[in-house]
Amino acid sequence: MNTTTATHIDRSERNVGIDIGKSMLDVCIFELDIYLQYPNTPGGIRELLKKLSRYRLSRILAEATGGYERSLIEDCAERELPVIIVQPTQVRQFGKAQG
């Protein structure tokens, strides 16, 4: 199995992880070590996508959270951004495997 470590990161890629909550979006741009937080509202999502449009994104990973992710996913799809929905249990298992 291939795992990602700091020595194996392609710094030209931009991978974004978004932890989606009922009221907040916690965002990490992995390669740049940037952490952001936006409200999970139409205005907050607009601000987030405006910020992300500055980067050439490889993928956006968004956690499936029982519907709280729907507006973000739809807006990303409308803008043809490379969004991937991941299951929380798989994210947790991957984190445990990474230590």
N, C-alpha and C. Protein backbone atom coordinates (compact mmCIF):
# COMPACT_ATOMS: atom_id res chain seq x y z
N MET A 1 0.83 -1.18 0.00
CA MET A 1 0.00 0.00 0.00
C MET A 1 0.88 1.24 0.00
N ASN A 2 0.56 2.20 -0.85
CA ASN A 2 1.28 3.47 -0.87
C ASN A 2 0.64 4.43 0.11
N THR A 3 1.46 5.04 0.93
CA THR A 3 0.96 6.04 1.86
C THR A 3 1.63 7.36 1.58
N THR A 4 1.00 8.42 2.00
CA THR A 4 1.54 9.75 1.78
C THR A 4 2.29 10.20 3.02
N THR A 5 3.54 10.56 2.83
CA THR A 5 4.32 11.15 3.92
C THR A 5 4.88 12.46 3.40
N ALA A 6 5.41 13.24 4.29
CA ALA A 6 5.93 14.56 3.91
C ALA A 6 7.00 14.46 2.82
N THR A 7 7.74 13.37 2.77
CA THR A 7 8.79 13.25 1.76
C THR A 7 8.24 12.84 0.40
N HIS A 8 6.99 12.38 0.35
CA HIS A 8 6.40 11.93 -0.90
C HIS A 8 5.35 12.88 -1.45
N ILE A 9 5.29 14.10 -0.97
CA ILE A 9 4.27 15.05 -1.38
C ILE A 9 4.72 15.81 -2.61
N ASP A 10 3.86 15.86 -3.62
CA ASP A 10 4.11 16.65 -4.81
C ASP A 10 3.63 18.07 -4.50
N ARG A 11 4.55 18.98 -4.29
CA ARG A 11 4.21 20.34 -3.86
C ARG A 11 3.54 21.16 -4.96
N SER A 12 3.51 20.67 -6.19
CA SER A 12 2.82 21.41 -7.25
C SER A 12 1.31 21.13 -7.23
N GLU A 13 0.90 20.06 -6.55
CA GLU A 13 -0.52 19.76 -6.42
C GLU A 13 -1.13 20.60 -5.31
N ARG A 14 -2.44 20.77 -5.39
CA ARG A 14 -3.18 21.45 -4.33
C ARG A 14 -4.36 20.57 -3.94
N ASN A 15 -4.21 19.92 -2.81
CA ASN A 15 -5.26 19.05 -2.28
C ASN A 15 -5.91 19.75 -1.11
N VAL A 16 -7.24 19.82 -1.14
CA VAL A 16 -7.98 20.53 -0.11
C VAL A 16 -8.86 19.52 0.63
N GLY A 17 -8.79 19.55 1.93
CA GLY A 17 -9.66 18.74 2.76
C GLY A 17 -10.63 19.64 3.49
N ILE A 18 -11.91 19.27 3.50
CA ILE A 18 -12.91 20.08 4.17
C ILE A 18 -13.69 19.21 5.16
N ASP A 19 -13.61 19.58 6.42
CA ASP A 19 -14.40 18.94 7.47
C ASP A 19 -15.68 19.76 7.58
N ILE A 20 -16.81 19.13 7.30
CA ILE A 20 -18.08 19.84 7.20
C ILE A 20 -18.90 19.62 8.46
N GLY A 21 -19.24 20.71 9.08
CA GLY A 21 -20.10 20.67 10.26
C GLY A 21 -21.41 21.39 9.98
N LYS A 22 -22.30 21.33 10.93
CA LYS A 22 -23.61 21.97 10.75
C LYS A 22 -23.46 23.48 10.53
N SER A 23 -22.53 24.10 11.25
CA SER A 23 -22.41 25.56 11.15
C SER A 23 -21.09 26.04 10.56
N MET A 24 -20.06 25.19 10.53
CA MET A 24 -18.74 25.63 10.06
C MET A 24 -18.12 24.66 9.07
N LEU A 25 -17.27 25.21 8.20
CA LEU A 25 -16.45 24.43 7.27
C LEU A 25 -14.99 24.65 7.69
N ASP A 26 -14.32 23.59 8.09
CA ASP A 26 -12.90 23.66 8.43
C ASP A 26 -12.12 23.17 7.22
N VAL A 27 -11.24 24.02 6.71
CA VAL A 27 -10.58 23.79 5.43
C VAL A 27 -9.08 23.71 5.62
N CYS A 28 -8.44 22.76 4.94
CA CYS A 28 -6.98 22.65 4.95
C CYS A 28 -6.50 22.52 3.51
N ILE A 29 -5.60 23.41 3.11
CA ILE A 29 -4.90 23.26 1.83
C ILE A 29 -3.59 22.59 2.19
N PHE A 30 -3.51 21.31 1.94
CA PHE A 30 -2.49 20.44 2.49
C PHE A 30 -1.07 20.89 2.17
N GLU A 31 -0.75 21.05 0.90
CA GLU A 31 0.63 21.32 0.49
C GLU A 31 1.14 22.68 0.96
N LEU A 32 0.23 23.62 1.19
CA LEU A 32 0.62 24.95 1.63
C LEU A 32 0.53 25.12 3.14
N ASP A 33 0.02 24.10 3.82
CA ASP A 33 -0.14 24.13 5.27
C ASP A 33 -0.99 25.33 5.70
N ILE A 34 -2.09 25.55 4.96
CA ILE A 34 -3.01 26.64 5.24
C ILE A 34 -4.29 26.06 5.83
N TYR A 35 -4.73 26.65 6.94
CA TYR A 35 -5.97 26.23 7.60
C TYR A 35 -6.93 27.41 7.63
N LEU A 36 -8.15 27.19 7.19
CA LEU A 36 -9.17 28.25 7.10
C LEU A 36 -10.46 27.76 7.73
N GLN A 37 -11.32 28.69 8.07
CA GLN A 37 -12.63 28.33 8.60
C GLN A 37 -13.66 29.30 8.04
N TYR A 38 -14.76 28.74 7.54
CA TYR A 38 -15.85 29.53 6.96
C TYR A 38 -17.17 29.02 7.51
N PRO A 39 -18.15 29.92 7.61
CA PRO A 39 -19.48 29.45 8.03
C PRO A 39 -20.11 28.58 6.94
N ASN A 40 -20.84 27.57 7.34
CA ASN A 40 -21.52 26.69 6.38
C ASN A 40 -22.86 27.33 6.00
N THR A 41 -22.74 28.44 5.29
CA THR A 41 -23.89 29.20 4.80
C THR A 41 -23.64 29.49 3.32
N PRO A 42 -24.64 29.90 2.57
CA PRO A 42 -24.39 30.25 1.17
C PRO A 42 -23.30 31.31 1.01
N GLY A 43 -23.28 32.32 1.87
CA GLY A 43 -22.24 33.34 1.81
C GLY A 43 -20.86 32.81 2.14
N GLY A 44 -20.79 31.96 3.17
CA GLY A 44 -19.51 31.35 3.56
C GLY A 44 -18.97 30.45 2.46
N ILE A 45 -19.84 29.68 1.84
CA ILE A 45 -19.42 28.79 0.74
C ILE A 45 -18.92 29.62 -0.44
N ARG A 46 -19.61 30.72 -0.74
CA ARG A 46 -19.16 31.61 -1.83
C ARG A 46 -17.76 32.15 -1.54
N GLU A 47 -17.53 32.61 -0.30
CA GLU A 47 -16.21 33.12 0.09
C GLU A 47 -15.14 32.04 -0.04
N LEU A 48 -15.45 30.85 0.44
CA LEU A 48 -14.51 29.74 0.36
C LEU A 48 -14.14 29.43 -1.08
N LEU A 49 -15.13 29.31 -1.95
CA LEU A 49 -14.86 28.96 -3.34
C LEU A 49 -14.11 30.07 -4.06
N LYS A 50 -14.36 31.31 -3.67
CA LYS A 50 -13.59 32.43 -4.23
C LYS A 50 -12.12 32.30 -3.83
N LYS A 51 -11.88 31.97 -2.57
CA LYS A 51 -10.50 31.76 -2.09
C LYS A 51 -9.84 30.59 -2.81
N LEU A 52 -10.56 29.47 -2.96
CA LEU A 52 -9.99 28.29 -3.60
C LEU A 52 -9.73 28.50 -5.09
N SER A 53 -10.47 29.41 -5.71
CA SER A 53 -10.29 29.65 -7.15
C SER A 53 -8.92 30.24 -7.46
N ARG A 54 -8.20 30.71 -6.46
CA ARG A 54 -6.85 31.25 -6.66
C ARG A 54 -5.83 30.16 -6.93
N TYR A 55 -6.18 28.92 -6.61
CA TYR A 55 -5.24 27.80 -6.70
C TYR A 55 -5.63 26.85 -7.82
N ARG A 56 -4.63 26.18 -8.38
CA ARG A 56 -4.89 25.12 -9.35
C ARG A 56 -5.08 23.83 -8.53
N LEU A 57 -6.32 23.46 -8.32
CA LEU A 57 -6.66 22.37 -7.41
C LEU A 57 -6.56 21.01 -8.08
N SER A 58 -5.97 20.05 -7.38
CA SER A 58 -5.96 18.67 -7.85
C SER A 58 -7.23 17.96 -7.42
N ARG A 59 -7.65 18.22 -6.16
CA ARG A 59 -8.88 17.61 -5.66
C ARG A 59 -9.32 18.31 -4.38
N ILE A 60 -10.62 18.25 -4.17
CA ILE A 60 -11.22 18.73 -2.94
C ILE A 60 -11.91 17.53 -2.29
N LEU A 61 -11.47 17.17 -1.11
CA LEU A 61 -12.08 16.06 -0.37
C LEU A 61 -13.04 16.64 0.65
N ALA A 62 -14.29 16.25 0.55
CA ALA A 62 -15.31 16.73 1.47
C ALA A 62 -15.95 15.53 2.17
N GLU A 63 -16.11 15.66 3.45
CA GLU A 63 -16.68 14.57 4.25
C GLU A 63 -18.20 14.55 4.12
N ALA A 64 -18.75 13.37 3.88
CA ALA A 64 -20.20 13.20 3.85
C ALA A 64 -20.72 13.28 5.28
N THR A 65 -21.62 14.23 5.53
CA THR A 65 -22.07 14.45 6.90
C THR A 65 -23.58 14.55 7.00
N GLY A 66 -24.26 13.65 6.37
CA GLY A 66 -25.71 13.58 6.50
C GLY A 66 -26.47 14.75 5.91
N GLY A 67 -25.94 15.36 4.89
CA GLY A 67 -26.65 16.43 4.20
C GLY A 67 -26.06 17.81 4.38
N TYR A 68 -25.25 18.01 5.42
CA TYR A 68 -24.65 19.33 5.63
C TYR A 68 -23.68 19.70 4.50
N GLU A 69 -23.22 18.71 3.77
CA GLU A 69 -22.26 18.95 2.69
C GLU A 69 -22.93 19.30 1.36
N ARG A 70 -24.22 19.11 1.26
CA ARG A 70 -24.94 19.21 -0.02
C ARG A 70 -24.71 20.54 -0.74
N SER A 71 -24.87 21.67 -0.07
CA SER A 71 -24.72 22.98 -0.73
C SER A 71 -23.30 23.16 -1.26
N LEU A 72 -22.32 22.79 -0.46
CA LEU A 72 -20.93 22.91 -0.90
C LEU A 72 -20.66 22.05 -2.12
N ILE A 73 -21.11 20.80 -2.09
CA ILE A 73 -20.87 19.88 -3.20
C ILE A 73 -21.54 20.40 -4.47
N GLU A 74 -22.77 20.86 -4.36
CA GLU A 74 -23.48 21.39 -5.53
C GLU A 74 -22.77 22.60 -6.11
N ASP A 75 -22.30 23.51 -5.26
CA ASP A 75 -21.60 24.70 -5.75
C ASP A 75 -20.27 24.33 -6.40
N CYS A 76 -19.56 23.35 -5.83
CA CYS A 76 -18.31 22.89 -6.45
C CYS A 76 -18.58 22.27 -7.82
N ALA A 77 -19.62 21.46 -7.90
CA ALA A 77 -19.97 20.81 -9.17
C ALA A 77 -20.36 21.85 -10.22
N GLU A 78 -21.11 22.87 -9.82
CA GLU A 78 -21.49 23.92 -10.76
C GLU A 78 -20.27 24.64 -11.32
N ARG A 79 -19.23 24.77 -10.52
CA ARG A 79 -18.00 25.44 -10.95
C ARG A 79 -16.99 24.47 -11.56
N GLU A 80 -17.40 23.21 -11.69
CA GLU A 80 -16.57 22.15 -12.25
C GLU A 80 -15.26 21.97 -11.49
N LEU A 81 -15.34 22.08 -10.17
CA LEU A 81 -14.18 21.84 -9.32
C LEU A 81 -14.07 20.34 -9.04
N PRO A 82 -12.85 19.84 -8.85
CA PRO A 82 -12.64 18.40 -8.66
C PRO A 82 -12.97 17.94 -7.24
N VAL A 83 -14.25 17.81 -6.95
CA VAL A 83 -14.69 17.47 -5.60
C VAL A 83 -14.94 15.97 -5.48
N ILE A 84 -14.53 15.43 -4.33
CA ILE A 84 -14.71 14.01 -4.02
C ILE A 84 -15.36 13.93 -2.65
N ILE A 85 -16.42 13.15 -2.55
CA ILE A 85 -17.09 12.95 -1.26
C ILE A 85 -16.53 11.68 -0.62
N VAL A 86 -16.06 11.81 0.62
CA VAL A 86 -15.49 10.67 1.32
C VAL A 86 -16.34 10.35 2.55
N GLN A 87 -16.36 9.09 2.93
CA GLN A 87 -17.12 8.64 4.09
C GLN A 87 -16.29 8.86 5.36
N PRO A 88 -16.89 9.39 6.42
CA PRO A 88 -16.16 9.67 7.66
C PRO A 88 -15.44 8.45 8.23
N THR A 89 -16.04 7.27 8.14
CA THR A 89 -15.38 6.08 8.69
C THR A 89 -14.10 5.75 7.93
N GLN A 90 -14.10 5.96 6.62
CA GLN A 90 -12.90 5.71 5.83
C GLN A 90 -11.80 6.72 6.19
N VAL A 91 -12.19 7.96 6.42
CA VAL A 91 -11.22 8.98 6.80
C VAL A 91 -10.59 8.61 8.14
N ARG A 92 -11.41 8.19 9.10
CA ARG A 92 -10.91 7.80 10.42
C ARG A 92 -9.96 6.61 10.31
N GLN A 93 -10.34 5.61 9.51
CA GLN A 93 -9.50 4.42 9.35
C GLN A 93 -8.17 4.79 8.69
N PHE A 94 -8.20 5.68 7.71
CA PHE A 94 -6.97 6.12 7.06
C PHE A 94 -6.08 6.84 8.07
N GLY A 95 -6.67 7.71 8.88
CA GLY A 95 -5.90 8.44 9.90
C GLY A 95 -5.25 7.49 10.89
N LYS A 96 -5.98 6.47 11.31
CA LYS A 96 -5.42 5.47 12.23
C LYS A 96 -4.27 4.72 11.58
N ALA A 97 -4.42 4.39 10.30
CA ALA A 97 -3.35 3.67 9.59
C ALA A 97 -2.10 4.52 9.45
N GLN A 98 -2.28 5.84 9.35
CA GLN A 98 -1.14 6.75 9.21
C GLN A 98 -0.45 7.01 10.54
N GLY A 99 -1.14 6.69 11.62
CA GLY A 99 -0.55 6.89 12.95
C GLY A 99 -0.91 8.24 13.46
